[in-house]
Amino acid sequence: MTKIVLATAAVLAVAGSAFAGSDNFGSNGANQPAVAVDSSYT
């Protein structure tokens, strides 16, 4: 029983930190281009 509780707490802690970390890429990070596109003709 205690292993299930500890495993659940660990999963929730990891999921919570993952969602909290994604807040660093908010509206400012969404406007940054992911790849620089070279549109010159050859």
Protein backbone atom coordinates (compact mmCIF):
# COMPACT_ATOMS: atom_id res chain seq x y z
CA MET A 1 0.00 0.00 0.00
CA THR A 2 2.74 2.46 0.87
CA LYS A 3 4.54 1.71 -2.41
CA ILE A 4 1.41 2.68 -4.34
CA VAL A 5 1.12 5.93 -2.39
CA LEU A 6 4.78 6.77 -2.94
CA ALA A 7 4.58 5.93 -6.64
CA THR A 8 1.48 8.09 -7.06
CA ALA A 9 3.15 10.98 -5.23
CA ALA A 10 6.24 10.65 -7.42
CA VAL A 11 4.19 10.65 -10.63
CA LEU A 12 2.24 13.71 -9.51
CA ALA A 13 5.44 15.52 -8.53
CA VAL A 14 7.05 14.81 -11.92
CA ALA A 15 3.91 15.81 -13.83
CA GLY A 16 3.57 18.99 -11.78
CA SER A 17 7.17 20.02 -12.39
CA ALA A 18 6.78 19.29 -16.11
CA PHE A 19 3.76 21.58 -16.40
CA ALA A 20 5.48 24.23 -14.26
CA GLY A 21 8.54 24.09 -16.49
CA SER A 22 6.44 24.61 -19.60
CA ASP A 23 5.36 28.00 -18.24
CA ASN A 24 8.84 29.28 -19.11
CA PHE A 25 7.90 28.97 -22.78
CA GLY A 26 4.92 31.27 -22.64
CA SER A 27 3.80 33.90 -25.13
CA ASN A 28 7.35 35.18 -25.50
CA GLY A 29 8.81 31.79 -26.37
CA ALA A 30 5.99 30.98 -28.78
CA ASN A 31 6.90 33.94 -30.98
CA GLN A 32 10.50 32.83 -31.45
CA PRO A 33 11.17 31.06 -34.76
CA ALA A 34 12.22 27.46 -34.27
CA VAL A 35 14.27 27.19 -37.48
CA ALA A 36 15.95 29.94 -39.48
CA VAL A 37 14.66 29.66 -43.05
CA ASP A 38 16.97 30.58 -45.91
CA SER A 39 14.74 31.87 -48.68
CA SER A 40 17.47 32.96 -51.12
CA TYR A 41 17.15 31.82 -54.72
CA THR A 42 19.97 29.92 -56.34
